[in-house]
Amino acid sequence: MSITVNMHKAKTDLSKLVAQALAGEEVIIARDGEPAVQLVPVRKKRVPGKFKGQIWMAPNFNDPLPDDLLSEFYDNPIFPQP
């Protein structure tokens, strides 16, 4: 849902408009009836290494698949072999 308010209303109801934007609503502030700005939440910056030590991958993750499993893909008409 989208809400458009004029500058004066935005000044008086700023905290309410911020709450609506944080809730995912599109808030547009207009000047003289023309849309001027859009109020959007600030995206949180990504923290590298945040999940370090919490994700595990098997040592054989990149090993080739067994032939019997590959044949399930290539012999299937949905996945024709090129």
C-alpha atoms as a PDB file:
ATOM      1  CA  MET A   1       0.000   0.000   0.000  1.00  0.00           C
ATOM      2  CA  SER A   2       1.210   3.515  -0.703  1.00  0.00           C
ATOM      3  CA  ILE A   3       0.509   6.696   1.202  1.00  0.00           C
ATOM      4  CA  THR A   4       1.181  10.221  -0.058  1.00  0.00           C
ATOM      5  CA  VAL A   5       1.225  13.148   2.360  1.00  0.00           C
ATOM      6  CA  ASN A   6       1.995  16.830   1.928  1.00  0.00           C
ATOM      7  CA  MET A   7       5.037  18.458   3.543  1.00  0.00           C
ATOM      8  CA  HIS A   8       3.074  20.073   6.398  1.00  0.00           C
ATOM      9  CA  LYS A   9       1.413  16.787   7.395  1.00  0.00           C
ATOM     10  CA  ALA A  10       4.780  15.025   7.170  1.00  0.00           C
ATOM     11  CA  LYS A  11       6.247  17.550   9.636  1.00  0.00           C
ATOM     12  CA  THR A  12       3.491  17.007  12.163  1.00  0.00           C
ATOM     13  CA  ASP A  13       3.195  13.210  11.761  1.00  0.00           C
ATOM     14  CA  LEU A  14       6.836  12.298  11.114  1.00  0.00           C
ATOM     15  CA  SER A  15       7.122   9.577  13.777  1.00  0.00           C
ATOM     16  CA  LYS A  16       3.899   7.949  12.551  1.00  0.00           C
ATOM     17  CA  LEU A  17       5.143   8.039   8.939  1.00  0.00           C
ATOM     18  CA  VAL A  18       8.496   6.551   9.952  1.00  0.00           C
ATOM     19  CA  ALA A  19       6.679   3.701  11.721  1.00  0.00           C
ATOM     20  CA  GLN A  20       4.626   3.063   8.584  1.00  0.00           C
ATOM     21  CA  ALA A  21       7.758   3.028   6.405  1.00  0.00           C
ATOM     22  CA  LEU A  22       9.459   0.605   8.801  1.00  0.00           C
ATOM     23  CA  ALA A  23       6.394  -1.628   8.574  1.00  0.00           C
ATOM     24  CA  GLY A  24       6.920  -1.856   4.812  1.00  0.00           C
ATOM     25  CA  GLU A  25       4.463   0.743   3.632  1.00  0.00           C
ATOM     26  CA  GLU A  26       5.500   3.088   0.835  1.00  0.00           C
ATOM     27  CA  VAL A  27       5.463   6.668   2.153  1.00  0.00           C
ATOM     28  CA  ILE A  28       5.765   9.531  -0.341  1.00  0.00           C
ATOM     29  CA  ILE A  29       6.071  13.147   0.737  1.00  0.00           C
ATOM     30  CA  ALA A  30       4.732  15.690  -1.741  1.00  0.00           C
ATOM     31  CA  ARG A  31       5.456  19.373  -2.220  1.00  0.00           C
ATOM     32  CA  ASP A  32       2.732  21.428  -3.895  1.00  0.00           C
ATOM     33  CA  GLY A  33       0.906  18.230  -4.784  1.00  0.00           C
ATOM     34  CA  GLU A  34       3.907  16.747  -6.634  1.00  0.00           C
ATOM     35  CA  PRO A  35       5.779  13.769  -5.174  1.00  0.00           C
ATOM     36  CA  ALA A  36       9.134  15.011  -3.874  1.00  0.00           C
ATOM     37  CA  VAL A  37      10.713  12.256  -1.763  1.00  0.00           C
ATOM     38  CA  GLN A  38      10.099   8.711  -0.662  1.00  0.00           C
ATOM     39  CA  LEU A  39      10.552   7.669   2.964  1.00  0.00           C
ATOM     40  CA  VAL A  40      12.279   4.283   3.149  1.00  0.00           C
ATOM     41  CA  PRO A  41      14.040   2.372   5.951  1.00  0.00           C
ATOM     42  CA  VAL A  42      17.831   2.358   6.020  1.00  0.00           C
ATOM     43  CA  ARG A  43      19.216  -1.031   5.086  1.00  0.00           C
ATOM     44  CA  LYS A  44      21.516  -2.495   7.683  1.00  0.00           C
ATOM     45  CA  LYS A  45      25.059  -2.975   6.508  1.00  0.00           C
ATOM     46  CA  ARG A  46      26.255  -6.505   5.968  1.00  0.00           C
ATOM     47  CA  VAL A  47      28.678  -7.753   8.595  1.00  0.00           C
ATOM     48  CA  PRO A  48      31.260 -10.062   6.986  1.00  0.00           C
ATOM     49  CA  GLY A  49      31.973 -13.168   9.026  1.00  0.00           C
ATOM     50  CA  LYS A  50      28.796 -12.883  11.064  1.00  0.00           C
ATOM     51  CA  PHE A  51      28.102 -16.616  10.779  1.00  0.00           C
ATOM     52  CA  LYS A  52      31.711 -17.784  10.977  1.00  0.00           C
ATOM     53  CA  GLY A  53      31.890 -21.173  12.655  1.00  0.00           C
ATOM     54  CA  GLN A  54      28.139 -21.755  12.343  1.00  0.00           C
ATOM     55  CA  ILE A  55      28.113 -23.120   8.798  1.00  0.00           C
ATOM     56  CA  TRP A  56      29.568 -26.507   7.994  1.00  0.00           C
ATOM     57  CA  MET A  57      30.233 -28.027   4.590  1.00  0.00           C
ATOM     58  CA  ALA A  58      31.135 -31.674   3.994  1.00  0.00           C
ATOM     59  CA  PRO A  59      34.725 -32.262   2.857  1.00  0.00           C
ATOM     60  CA  ASN A  60      33.445 -34.093  -0.245  1.00  0.00           C
ATOM     61  CA  PHE A  61      31.089 -31.247  -1.242  1.00  0.00           C
ATOM     62  CA  ASN A  62      32.789 -30.628  -4.612  1.00  0.00           C
ATOM     63  CA  ASP A  63      33.386 -34.274  -5.484  1.00  0.00           C
ATOM     64  CA  PRO A  64      31.771 -35.443  -8.740  1.00  0.00           C
ATOM     65  CA  LEU A  65      28.372 -37.068  -8.408  1.00  0.00           C
ATOM     66  CA  PRO A  66      28.161 -40.854  -8.767  1.00  0.00           C
ATOM     67  CA  ASP A  67      27.249 -42.144 -12.248  1.00  0.00           C
ATOM     68  CA  ASP A  68      23.965 -43.674 -11.083  1.00  0.00           C
ATOM     69  CA  LEU A  69      22.814 -40.294  -9.740  1.00  0.00           C
ATOM     70  CA  LEU A  70      23.948 -38.448 -12.877  1.00  0.00           C
ATOM     71  CA  SER A  71      21.983 -40.892 -15.018  1.00  0.00           C
ATOM     72  CA  GLU A  72      18.846 -39.913 -13.086  1.00  0.00           C
ATOM     73  CA  PHE A  73      19.292 -36.398 -14.461  1.00  0.00           C
ATOM     74  CA  TYR A  74      20.495 -37.138 -17.973  1.00  0.00           C
ATOM     75  CA  ASP A  75      18.118 -40.027 -18.690  1.00  0.00           C
ATOM     76  CA  ASN A  76      15.155 -37.942 -17.568  1.00  0.00           C
ATOM     77  CA  PRO A  77      13.195 -36.338 -20.462  1.00  0.00           C
ATOM     78  CA  ILE A  78      12.771 -33.160 -18.422  1.00  0.00           C
ATOM     79  CA  PHE A  79      16.548 -32.633 -18.449  1.00  0.00           C
ATOM     80  CA  PRO A  80      17.713 -33.700 -21.915  1.00  0.00           C
ATOM     81  CA  GLN A  81      21.441 -34.048 -22.385  1.00  0.00           C
ATOM     82  CA  PRO A  82      22.863 -31.574 -24.908  1.00  0.00           C
END
